[in-house]
C-alpha cells in the first residue's frame, strides 16, 4: 500500500511517501504526480522517510515527471533509507537528482 501526504514548503510541494512504490502502486504514484502537475506544481521534494521500496516502475514515474517539468522545475529526494539509496546508486538516479540526508536539508536549499 502506498500513501501520500502533501505540504507546501516555500516554492516546493513536499510529498511524503509511505509504503512501497512497486508495480502495483506505480500507477497510483504517477496519477498523484500528474494531479500535482495539473495543479501547477513545478518543484517537488519527495520525503522518503517512510518509503520502504522504489521499483523500476517507480523510477520511470520520476523520470517522466522530470521530463515534464524541465527545464524550470526541480525534483529532490530526502531522508532515503539504505535500500532506496542503493536503488538510486545502482540505477544512476543518485547522479541525476538532488538527494539530501534530511528533509530539512532539502527545504533549506530553497527548493
N, C-alpha and C. Protein backbone atom coordinates (compact mmCIF):
# COMPACT_ATOMS: atom_id res chain seq x y z
N UNK A 1 0.84 -1.18 0.00
CA UNK A 1 0.00 0.00 0.00
C UNK A 1 0.89 1.25 0.00
N UNK A 2 0.48 2.25 -0.73
CA UNK A 2 1.23 3.50 -0.84
C UNK A 2 0.32 4.64 -0.42
N UNK A 3 0.88 5.51 0.43
CA UNK A 3 0.13 6.68 0.90
C UNK A 3 0.96 7.93 0.65
N UNK A 4 0.27 9.06 0.47
CA UNK A 4 0.90 10.35 0.23
C UNK A 4 0.41 11.36 1.25
N UNK A 5 1.30 12.25 1.64
CA UNK A 5 0.93 13.44 2.41
C UNK A 5 1.65 14.60 1.75
N UNK A 6 0.89 15.61 1.35
CA UNK A 6 1.46 16.76 0.63
C UNK A 6 1.44 18.00 1.52
N UNK A 7 2.53 18.76 1.47
CA UNK A 7 2.63 20.02 2.19
C UNK A 7 3.45 20.99 1.35
N UNK A 8 3.03 22.23 1.32
CA UNK A 8 3.83 23.26 0.66
C UNK A 8 4.86 23.80 1.64
N UNK A 9 6.10 23.87 1.18
CA UNK A 9 7.17 24.48 1.95
C UNK A 9 7.92 25.39 0.98
N UNK A 10 7.79 26.68 1.19
CA UNK A 10 8.38 27.63 0.25
C UNK A 10 7.75 27.44 -1.12
N UNK A 11 8.59 27.32 -2.14
CA UNK A 11 8.08 27.15 -3.51
C UNK A 11 7.83 25.70 -3.88
N UNK A 12 8.16 24.79 -3.00
CA UNK A 12 8.09 23.36 -3.33
C UNK A 12 6.87 22.69 -2.70
N UNK A 13 6.47 21.63 -3.35
CA UNK A 13 5.49 20.72 -2.76
C UNK A 13 6.30 19.55 -2.19
N UNK A 14 6.12 19.30 -0.91
CA UNK A 14 6.78 18.17 -0.27
C UNK A 14 5.79 17.02 -0.25
N UNK A 15 6.17 15.94 -0.90
CA UNK A 15 5.32 14.75 -0.97
C UNK A 15 5.96 13.67 -0.10
N UNK A 16 5.35 13.41 1.04
CA UNK A 16 5.83 12.35 1.92
C UNK A 16 5.26 11.03 1.40
N UNK A 17 6.15 10.09 1.12
CA UNK A 17 5.76 8.79 0.59
C UNK A 17 5.81 7.76 1.72
N UNK A 18 4.75 6.98 1.86
CA UNK A 18 4.71 5.96 2.90
C UNK A 18 4.33 4.63 2.26
N UNK A 19 5.19 3.64 2.41
CA UNK A 19 4.93 2.31 1.84
C UNK A 19 5.92 1.98 0.74
N UNK A 20 5.41 1.32 -0.30
CA UNK A 20 6.25 0.88 -1.42
C UNK A 20 5.72 1.43 -2.73
N UNK A 21 6.63 1.88 -3.58
CA UNK A 21 6.28 2.19 -4.96
C UNK A 21 6.80 1.02 -5.78
N UNK A 22 5.88 0.14 -6.16
CA UNK A 22 6.23 -1.06 -6.93
C UNK A 22 5.31 -1.16 -8.14
N UNK A 23 5.33 -2.29 -8.80
CA UNK A 23 4.49 -2.47 -9.99
C UNK A 23 3.01 -2.28 -9.70
N UNK A 24 2.59 -2.61 -8.49
CA UNK A 24 1.18 -2.47 -8.14
C UNK A 24 0.78 -1.04 -7.82
N UNK A 25 1.71 -0.24 -7.32
CA UNK A 25 1.36 1.11 -6.88
C UNK A 25 1.93 2.22 -7.76
N UNK A 26 2.72 1.88 -8.77
CA UNK A 26 3.35 2.90 -9.62
C UNK A 26 2.30 3.75 -10.34
N UNK A 27 1.20 3.15 -10.77
CA UNK A 27 0.16 3.93 -11.45
C UNK A 27 -0.47 4.95 -10.50
N UNK A 28 -0.64 4.57 -9.25
CA UNK A 28 -1.16 5.49 -8.24
C UNK A 28 -0.18 6.64 -8.01
N UNK A 29 1.10 6.32 -7.93
CA UNK A 29 2.14 7.33 -7.78
C UNK A 29 2.14 8.29 -8.98
N UNK A 30 2.05 7.73 -10.17
CA UNK A 30 2.00 8.54 -11.39
C UNK A 30 0.78 9.46 -11.39
N UNK A 31 -0.38 8.92 -11.04
CA UNK A 31 -1.61 9.73 -11.02
C UNK A 31 -1.49 10.87 -10.01
N UNK A 32 -0.88 10.60 -8.87
CA UNK A 32 -0.71 11.64 -7.86
C UNK A 32 0.21 12.74 -8.40
N UNK A 33 1.30 12.36 -9.02
CA UNK A 33 2.22 13.35 -9.60
C UNK A 33 1.53 14.15 -10.70
N UNK A 34 0.75 13.48 -11.54
CA UNK A 34 0.02 14.16 -12.63
C UNK A 34 -0.96 15.18 -12.05
N UNK A 35 -1.63 14.82 -10.96
CA UNK A 35 -2.57 15.73 -10.31
C UNK A 35 -1.85 16.98 -9.81
N UNK A 36 -0.71 16.78 -9.18
CA UNK A 36 0.07 17.92 -8.68
C UNK A 36 0.56 18.79 -9.83
N UNK A 37 0.99 18.17 -10.92
CA UNK A 37 1.38 18.94 -12.11
C UNK A 37 0.20 19.75 -12.64
N UNK A 38 -0.95 19.12 -12.69
CA UNK A 38 -2.15 19.81 -13.14
C UNK A 38 -2.53 20.98 -12.26
N UNK A 39 -2.14 20.90 -10.99
CA UNK A 39 -2.39 21.99 -10.05
C UNK A 39 -1.34 23.09 -10.16
N UNK A 40 -0.35 22.90 -11.05
CA UNK A 40 0.66 23.93 -11.28
C UNK A 40 1.96 23.74 -10.53
N UNK A 41 2.13 22.64 -9.84
CA UNK A 41 3.38 22.41 -9.10
C UNK A 41 4.53 22.18 -10.07
N UNK A 42 5.69 22.74 -9.74
CA UNK A 42 6.89 22.61 -10.58
C UNK A 42 8.12 22.17 -9.80
N UNK A 43 8.11 22.32 -8.48
CA UNK A 43 9.24 21.92 -7.65
C UNK A 43 8.77 20.89 -6.64
N UNK A 44 9.39 19.72 -6.69
CA UNK A 44 8.96 18.58 -5.87
C UNK A 44 10.09 18.14 -4.95
N UNK A 45 9.76 17.92 -3.68
CA UNK A 45 10.66 17.25 -2.75
C UNK A 45 9.93 16.00 -2.29
N UNK A 46 10.52 14.85 -2.56
CA UNK A 46 9.93 13.59 -2.11
C UNK A 46 10.59 13.20 -0.79
N UNK A 47 9.78 13.21 0.25
CA UNK A 47 10.24 12.82 1.59
C UNK A 47 10.14 11.31 1.67
N UNK A 48 11.29 10.65 1.73
CA UNK A 48 11.35 9.19 1.68
C UNK A 48 11.50 8.56 3.07
N UNK A 49 11.23 9.32 4.11
CA UNK A 49 11.38 8.84 5.48
C UNK A 49 10.68 7.50 5.68
N UNK A 50 9.48 7.37 5.12
CA UNK A 50 8.69 6.14 5.31
C UNK A 50 8.52 5.35 4.02
N UNK A 51 9.37 5.62 3.04
CA UNK A 51 9.34 4.86 1.79
C UNK A 51 10.19 3.61 1.96
N UNK A 52 9.57 2.46 1.85
CA UNK A 52 10.28 1.20 2.06
C UNK A 52 11.00 0.71 0.81
N UNK A 53 10.45 1.02 -0.37
CA UNK A 53 11.00 0.45 -1.61
C UNK A 53 10.54 1.28 -2.80
N UNK A 54 11.39 1.39 -3.81
CA UNK A 54 11.06 2.07 -5.05
C UNK A 54 11.54 1.19 -6.20
N UNK A 55 10.60 0.65 -6.96
CA UNK A 55 10.94 -0.26 -8.06
C UNK A 55 11.27 0.51 -9.33
N UNK A 56 11.64 -0.23 -10.36
CA UNK A 56 11.92 0.40 -11.65
C UNK A 56 10.68 1.09 -12.20
N UNK A 57 9.50 0.58 -11.89
CA UNK A 57 8.26 1.25 -12.31
C UNK A 57 8.14 2.61 -11.64
N UNK A 58 8.53 2.70 -10.39
CA UNK A 58 8.53 3.98 -9.68
C UNK A 58 9.57 4.93 -10.24
N UNK A 59 10.73 4.39 -10.58
CA UNK A 59 11.78 5.22 -11.18
C UNK A 59 11.31 5.81 -12.51
N UNK A 60 10.56 5.04 -13.29
CA UNK A 60 10.02 5.55 -14.56
C UNK A 60 9.08 6.72 -14.32
N UNK A 61 8.28 6.64 -13.26
CA UNK A 61 7.37 7.75 -12.93
C UNK A 61 8.19 9.01 -12.63
N UNK A 62 9.25 8.87 -11.87
CA UNK A 62 10.12 10.01 -11.52
C UNK A 62 10.75 10.58 -12.79
N UNK A 63 11.24 9.74 -13.65
CA UNK A 63 11.87 10.19 -14.88
C UNK A 63 10.87 10.93 -15.77
N UNK A 64 9.69 10.40 -15.87
CA UNK A 64 8.63 11.05 -16.66
C UNK A 64 8.28 12.42 -16.07
N UNK A 65 8.19 12.49 -14.75
CA UNK A 65 7.91 13.76 -14.08
C UNK A 65 9.02 14.76 -14.36
N UNK A 66 10.27 14.31 -14.28
CA UNK A 66 11.41 15.20 -14.54
C UNK A 66 11.35 15.77 -15.95
N UNK A 67 11.01 14.95 -16.91
CA UNK A 67 10.90 15.43 -18.30
C UNK A 67 9.77 16.43 -18.44
N UNK A 68 8.67 16.20 -17.73
CA UNK A 68 7.51 17.08 -17.84
C UNK A 68 7.73 18.45 -17.22
N UNK A 69 8.59 18.54 -16.23
CA UNK A 69 8.80 19.84 -15.56
C UNK A 69 10.06 20.55 -16.04
N UNK A 70 10.86 19.89 -16.87
CA UNK A 70 12.08 20.52 -17.38
C UNK A 70 11.73 21.69 -18.30
N UNK A 71 12.51 22.72 -18.37
CA UNK A 71 13.76 22.95 -17.66
C UNK A 71 13.58 23.73 -16.36
N UNK A 72 12.38 24.23 -16.08
CA UNK A 72 12.19 25.12 -14.93
C UNK A 72 12.00 24.39 -13.61
N UNK A 73 11.41 23.23 -13.63
CA UNK A 73 11.08 22.53 -12.40
C UNK A 73 12.26 21.84 -11.76
N UNK A 74 12.07 21.43 -10.51
CA UNK A 74 13.11 20.75 -9.76
C UNK A 74 12.52 19.56 -9.03
N UNK A 75 13.36 18.54 -8.86
CA UNK A 75 12.99 17.36 -8.08
C UNK A 75 14.14 17.05 -7.13
N UNK A 76 13.79 16.80 -5.88
CA UNK A 76 14.79 16.37 -4.89
C UNK A 76 14.19 15.26 -4.06
N UNK A 77 15.08 14.49 -3.47
CA UNK A 77 14.68 13.39 -2.58
C UNK A 77 15.35 13.59 -1.24
N UNK A 78 14.64 13.27 -0.18
CA UNK A 78 15.17 13.47 1.16
C UNK A 78 14.91 12.24 2.04
N UNK A 79 15.85 12.02 2.96
CA UNK A 79 15.71 11.01 4.02
C UNK A 79 15.48 9.60 3.49
N UNK A 80 16.29 9.20 2.50
CA UNK A 80 16.16 7.85 1.94
C UNK A 80 16.80 6.82 2.88
N UNK A 81 16.15 5.67 3.00
CA UNK A 81 16.76 4.58 3.76
C UNK A 81 17.83 3.91 2.90
N UNK A 82 18.55 2.96 3.47
CA UNK A 82 19.66 2.32 2.76
C UNK A 82 19.20 1.58 1.50
N UNK A 83 18.04 0.95 1.55
CA UNK A 83 17.52 0.23 0.39
C UNK A 83 17.27 1.18 -0.78
N UNK A 84 16.60 2.29 -0.50
CA UNK A 84 16.29 3.26 -1.55
C UNK A 84 17.57 3.93 -2.04
N UNK A 85 18.51 4.23 -1.14
CA UNK A 85 19.80 4.80 -1.55
C UNK A 85 20.52 3.86 -2.51
N UNK A 86 20.49 2.58 -2.22
CA UNK A 86 21.16 1.61 -3.09
C UNK A 86 20.50 1.56 -4.46
N UNK A 87 19.18 1.60 -4.49
CA UNK A 87 18.46 1.62 -5.77
C UNK A 87 18.87 2.84 -6.58
N UNK A 88 18.97 4.00 -5.92
CA UNK A 88 19.39 5.22 -6.62
C UNK A 88 20.83 5.10 -7.11
N UNK A 89 21.69 4.51 -6.32
CA UNK A 89 23.09 4.36 -6.72
C UNK A 89 23.24 3.44 -7.92
N UNK A 90 22.58 2.29 -7.88
CA UNK A 90 22.70 1.30 -8.95
C UNK A 90 22.06 1.81 -10.25
N UNK A 91 20.95 2.53 -10.13
CA UNK A 91 20.23 3.00 -11.31
C UNK A 91 20.82 4.27 -11.91
N UNK A 92 21.69 4.95 -11.17
CA UNK A 92 22.23 6.22 -11.64
C UNK A 92 21.37 7.42 -11.28
N UNK A 93 20.23 7.18 -10.64
CA UNK A 93 19.34 8.28 -10.28
C UNK A 93 19.97 9.19 -9.22
N UNK A 94 20.90 8.64 -8.43
CA UNK A 94 21.59 9.46 -7.45
C UNK A 94 22.43 10.55 -8.08
N UNK A 95 22.83 10.34 -9.32
CA UNK A 95 23.59 11.36 -10.06
C UNK A 95 22.67 12.33 -10.79
N UNK A 96 21.46 11.92 -11.04
CA UNK A 96 20.52 12.73 -11.83
C UNK A 96 19.69 13.69 -10.97
N UNK A 97 19.48 13.34 -9.71
CA UNK A 97 18.60 14.13 -8.84
C UNK A 97 19.32 14.52 -7.56
N UNK A 98 18.91 15.62 -7.00
CA UNK A 98 19.45 16.04 -5.71
C UNK A 98 18.89 15.12 -4.62
N UNK A 99 19.79 14.63 -3.79
CA UNK A 99 19.41 13.74 -2.69
C UNK A 99 19.99 14.30 -1.40
N UNK A 100 19.14 14.47 -0.41
CA UNK A 100 19.54 15.05 0.86
C UNK A 100 19.33 14.06 1.99
N UNK A 101 20.21 14.08 2.99
CA UNK A 101 20.04 13.15 4.10
C UNK A 101 18.80 13.44 4.95
N UNK A 102 18.37 14.71 4.96
CA UNK A 102 17.19 15.07 5.75
C UNK A 102 16.23 15.93 4.92
N UNK A 103 14.99 15.94 5.31
CA UNK A 103 14.00 16.80 4.67
C UNK A 103 14.37 18.26 4.91
N UNK A 104 14.82 18.57 6.10
CA UNK A 104 15.19 19.94 6.43
C UNK A 104 16.29 20.43 5.49
N UNK A 105 17.25 19.57 5.18
CA UNK A 105 18.33 19.94 4.27
C UNK A 105 17.82 20.28 2.88
N UNK A 106 16.88 19.49 2.41
CA UNK A 106 16.31 19.74 1.08
C UNK A 106 15.54 21.07 1.07
N UNK A 107 14.78 21.31 2.10
CA UNK A 107 13.98 22.53 2.17
C UNK A 107 14.87 23.76 2.31
N UNK A 108 15.96 23.64 3.09
CA UNK A 108 16.87 24.77 3.28
C UNK A 108 17.60 25.15 2.01
N UNK A 109 17.74 24.21 1.07
CA UNK A 109 18.39 24.51 -0.20
C UNK A 109 17.53 25.38 -1.10
N UNK A 110 16.31 25.63 -0.69
CA UNK A 110 15.46 26.55 -1.42
C UNK A 110 14.63 25.93 -2.53
N UNK A 111 14.40 24.62 -2.45
CA UNK A 111 13.54 24.00 -3.46
C UNK A 111 12.10 24.36 -3.23
